[in-house]
C-alpha atoms as a PDB file:
ATOM      1  CA  PHE A   1      14.509  -6.439   5.105  1.00  0.00           C
ATOM      2  CA  THR A   2      12.152  -7.295   1.706  1.00  0.00           C
ATOM      3  CA  VAL A   3       8.896  -5.207   0.585  1.00  0.00           C
ATOM      4  CA  VAL A   4       7.380  -5.981  -2.378  1.00  0.00           C
ATOM      5  CA  ALA A   5       4.739  -4.221  -3.798  1.00  0.00           C
ATOM      6  CA  THR A   6       2.744  -5.778  -7.645  1.00  0.00           C
ATOM      7  CA  LEU A   7       0.121  -3.634  -9.127  1.00  0.00           C
ATOM      8  CA  LYS A   8      -1.778  -5.516 -11.554  1.00  0.00           C
ATOM      9  CA  PRO A   9      -0.872  -3.991 -15.115  1.00  0.00           C
ATOM     10  CA  GLU A  10      -2.266  -0.803 -16.750  1.00  0.00           C
ATOM     11  CA  LYS A  11      -1.551   0.135 -20.467  1.00  0.00           C
ATOM     12  CA  ASN A  12      -2.328   3.821 -20.067  1.00  0.00           C
ATOM     13  CA  LYS A  13       0.551   5.026 -19.172  1.00  0.00           C
ATOM     14  CA  THR A  14      -0.746   7.969 -17.255  1.00  0.00           C
ATOM     15  CA  LYS A  15      -2.852   5.688 -15.188  1.00  0.00           C
ATOM     16  CA  ALA A  16      -0.248   3.601 -14.633  1.00  0.00           C
ATOM     17  CA  ASN A  17       2.474   6.389 -13.778  1.00  0.00           C
ATOM     18  CA  ALA A  18      -0.607   7.876 -10.848  1.00  0.00           C
ATOM     19  CA  ILE A  19      -0.710   4.477  -9.872  1.00  0.00           C
ATOM     20  CA  LEU A  20       2.963   4.131  -9.225  1.00  0.00           C
ATOM     21  CA  ILE A  21       2.924   6.905  -7.751  1.00  0.00           C
ATOM     22  CA  LYS A  22       0.292   6.957  -5.598  1.00  0.00           C
ATOM     23  CA  ALA A  23       2.153   3.170  -4.586  1.00  0.00           C
ATOM     24  CA  GLU A  24       4.637   4.308  -3.746  1.00  0.00           C
ATOM     25  CA  LYS A  25       3.594   7.164  -1.615  1.00  0.00           C
ATOM     26  CA  VAL A  26       1.441   4.427   0.735  1.00  0.00           C
ATOM     27  CA  LEU A  27       4.668   1.983   0.982  1.00  0.00           C
ATOM     28  CA  LYS A  28       6.634   4.459   2.433  1.00  0.00           C
ATOM     29  CA  GLU A  29       3.326   5.747   5.348  1.00  0.00           C
ATOM     30  CA  GLU A  30       3.116   2.529   6.344  1.00  0.00           C
ATOM     31  CA  LEU A  31       6.979   2.002   6.414  1.00  0.00           C
ATOM     32  CA  LYS A  32       6.739   5.235   8.729  1.00  0.00           C
ATOM     33  CA  LYS A  33       4.688   3.367  10.901  1.00  0.00           C
ATOM     34  CA  ILE A  34       6.732   0.953  11.874  1.00  0.00           C
ATOM     35  CA  SER A  35       8.715   2.431  14.241  1.00  0.00           C
ATOM     36  CA  SER A  36       5.450   3.082  15.907  1.00  0.00           C
ATOM     37  CA  VAL A  37       4.683  -0.664  15.852  1.00  0.00           C
ATOM     38  CA  SER A  38       2.098  -1.486  19.439  1.00  0.00           C
ATOM     39  CA  VAL A  39       2.580  -4.788  21.325  1.00  0.00           C
ATOM     40  CA  LYS A  40      -0.560  -5.861  21.043  1.00  0.00           C
ATOM     41  CA  ASP A  41       0.149  -4.672  16.716  1.00  0.00           C
ATOM     42  CA  LEU A  42       3.070  -7.307  17.563  1.00  0.00           C
ATOM     43  CA  ASP A  43       1.210 -10.177  19.021  1.00  0.00           C
ATOM     44  CA  LYS A  44      -1.091 -10.646  15.821  1.00  0.00           C
ATOM     45  CA  VAL A  45       2.099 -10.664  13.750  1.00  0.00           C
ATOM     46  CA  LYS A  46       3.726 -13.115  15.261  1.00  0.00           C
ATOM     47  CA  ASN A  47       0.607 -14.647  16.114  1.00  0.00           C
ATOM     48  CA  LYS A  48       0.568 -14.948  12.044  1.00  0.00           C
ATOM     49  CA  VAL A  49       3.702 -15.501  11.827  1.00  0.00           C
ATOM     50  CA  MET A  50       3.970 -18.940  13.332  1.00  0.00           C
ATOM     51  CA  LYS A  51       0.929 -20.138  11.832  1.00  0.00           C
ATOM     52  CA  GLY A  52       2.336 -19.886   8.985  1.00  0.00           C
ATOM     53  CA  HIS A  53       5.216 -21.668  10.245  1.00  0.00           C
ATOM     54  CA  VAL A  54       3.489 -24.559  11.991  1.00  0.00           C
ATOM     55  CA  ASP A  55       1.272 -24.307   8.840  1.00  0.00           C
ATOM     56  CA  GLY A  56       3.836 -24.759   5.999  1.00  0.00           C
ATOM     57  CA  LEU A  57       5.269 -27.436   7.690  1.00  0.00           C
ATOM     58  CA  LYS A  58       2.181 -30.262   7.564  1.00  0.00           C
ATOM     59  CA  SER A  59       2.597 -31.365   4.618  1.00  0.00           C
ATOM     60  CA  VAL A  60       5.287 -33.640   3.381  1.00  0.00           C
ATOM     61  CA  ASP A  61       6.304 -30.401   0.686  1.00  0.00           C
ATOM     62  CA  GLY A  62       5.888 -28.552   3.167  1.00  0.00           C
ATOM     63  CA  LYS A  63       8.780 -29.696   5.520  1.00  0.00           C
ATOM     64  CA  ALA A  64      10.907 -30.684   2.412  1.00  0.00           C
ATOM     65  CA  HIS A  65      10.788 -27.258   1.369  1.00  0.00           C
ATOM     66  CA  ALA A  66      10.940 -25.396   4.812  1.00  0.00           C
ATOM     67  CA  ILE A  67      14.409 -28.180   5.673  1.00  0.00           C
ATOM     68  CA  ALA A  68      16.487 -27.132   1.695  1.00  0.00           C
ATOM     69  CA  MET A  69      15.629 -23.442   2.339  1.00  0.00           C
ATOM     70  CA  ASN A  70      17.496 -23.651   5.257  1.00  0.00           C
ATOM     71  CA  GLU A  71      19.466 -25.425   3.977  1.00  0.00           C
ATOM     72  CA  VAL A  72      20.422 -23.497   1.023  1.00  0.00           C
ATOM     73  CA  VAL A  73      20.021 -20.030   2.595  1.00  0.00           C
ATOM     74  CA  ILE A  74      21.576 -20.271   5.758  1.00  0.00           C
ATOM     75  CA  ASP A  75      24.064 -23.706   5.263  1.00  0.00           C
ATOM     76  CA  ASP A  76      22.098 -25.641   7.888  1.00  0.00           C
ATOM     77  CA  TYR A  77      18.650 -27.277   8.059  1.00  0.00           C
ATOM     78  CA  LYS A  78      18.356 -27.913  11.352  1.00  0.00           C
ATOM     79  CA  ALA A  79      17.776 -24.040  12.062  1.00  0.00           C
ATOM     80  CA  LEU A  80      15.099 -24.889  10.951  1.00  0.00           C
ATOM     81  CA  PHE A  81      13.764 -25.466  14.210  1.00  0.00           C
ATOM     82  CA  ASP A  82      15.143 -22.253  15.672  1.00  0.00           C
ATOM     83  CA  ASP A  83      12.802 -20.520  13.365  1.00  0.00           C
ATOM     84  CA  ILE A  84       9.881 -19.697  15.857  1.00  0.00           C
ATOM     85  CA  LYS A  85      11.735 -18.438  18.339  1.00  0.00           C
ATOM     86  CA  LYS A  86      14.092 -15.832  16.947  1.00  0.00           C
ATOM     87  CA  TYR A  87      10.474 -14.731  15.212  1.00  0.00           C
ATOM     88  CA  LEU A  88       8.973 -15.081  18.673  1.00  0.00           C
ATOM     89  CA  ASP A  89      12.093 -13.090  21.360  1.00  0.00           C
ATOM     90  CA  VAL A  90      11.430  -9.929  18.806  1.00  0.00           C
ATOM     91  CA  SER A  91      10.268  -6.898  21.285  1.00  0.00           C
ATOM     92  CA  VAL A  92       8.830  -3.967  19.892  1.00  0.00           C
ATOM     93  CA  ALA A  93      12.016  -1.883  21.169  1.00  0.00           C
ATOM     94  CA  ASP A  94      14.036  -4.323  18.996  1.00  0.00           C
ATOM     95  CA  ILE A  95      11.094  -3.024  15.994  1.00  0.00           C
ATOM     96  CA  LYS A  96      11.942   0.779  16.760  1.00  0.00           C
ATOM     97  CA  LYS A  97      15.234   0.110  16.351  1.00  0.00           C
ATOM     98  CA  ILE A  98      15.254  -0.690  12.795  1.00  0.00           C
ATOM     99  CA  GLY A  99      12.554   1.899  11.798  1.00  0.00           C
ATOM    100  CA  PRO A 100      15.453   4.278  10.879  1.00  0.00           C
ATOM    101  CA  TYR A 101      16.646   1.488   8.052  1.00  0.00           C
ATOM    102  CA  PHE A 102      13.260   2.257   6.712  1.00  0.00           C
ATOM    103  CA  GLU A 103      13.952   6.316   6.256  1.00  0.00           C
ATOM    104  CA  ASP A 104      14.386   7.338   1.858  1.00  0.00           C
ATOM    105  CA  SER A 105      17.826   7.991   2.709  1.00  0.00           C
ATOM    106  CA  LYS A 106      18.641   4.153   3.881  1.00  0.00           C
ATOM    107  CA  SER A 107      17.287   2.201   1.968  1.00  0.00           C
ATOM    108  CA  ASN A 108      17.236   1.181  -1.394  1.00  0.00           C
ATOM    109  CA  LYS A 109      14.659   0.465  -4.151  1.00  0.00           C
ATOM    110  CA  VAL A 110      14.072  -1.468  -7.369  1.00  0.00           C
ATOM    111  CA  VAL A 111      10.853  -0.742  -9.233  1.00  0.00           C
ATOM    112  CA  ALA A 112      10.715  -2.934 -12.566  1.00  0.00           C
ATOM    113  CA  ARG A 113       8.608  -1.586 -15.516  1.00  0.00           C
ATOM    114  CA  PRO A 114       8.037  -2.526 -18.644  1.00  0.00           C
ATOM    115  CA  THR A 115      10.038  -1.313 -21.745  1.00  0.00           C
ATOM    116  CA  ASN A 116       9.957   2.310 -22.262  1.00  0.00           C
ATOM    117  CA  PHE A 117       7.879   3.375 -19.661  1.00  0.00           C
ATOM    118  CA  LYS A 118       9.363   6.105 -17.002  1.00  0.00           C
ATOM    119  CA  ILE A 119       7.516   7.532 -15.000  1.00  0.00           C
ATOM    120  CA  ASN A 120       6.927  11.330 -15.135  1.00  0.00           C
ATOM    121  CA  ASN A 121       8.065  12.770 -11.975  1.00  0.00           C
ATOM    122  CA  ARG A 122      11.373  11.426 -11.818  1.00  0.00           C
END
């Protein structure tokens, strides 16, 4: 899984430091919620994923991109046609199983900052 947070640039290092600390805290709190996802929430996400997938295939460019990504990443363009089924087959139990992987001790974190920028609390 990959979670990305992009923050608006801040020139004042003190403010930027506070923003980064707050963003990391909010991100951790949100990731902790993964283990307590409801069927209703999961259905909402599945609908959004399905809509995004279908909308992405409406244009020739979208189809070409999807085929190319599956060929390059999975080494089989035909996998494109199985993606939706895989997303729809995810259950609340599956989500609860992966929740522990988002604990600090089991996660890898990369934070990119401008050169010479340091967080004060590290």
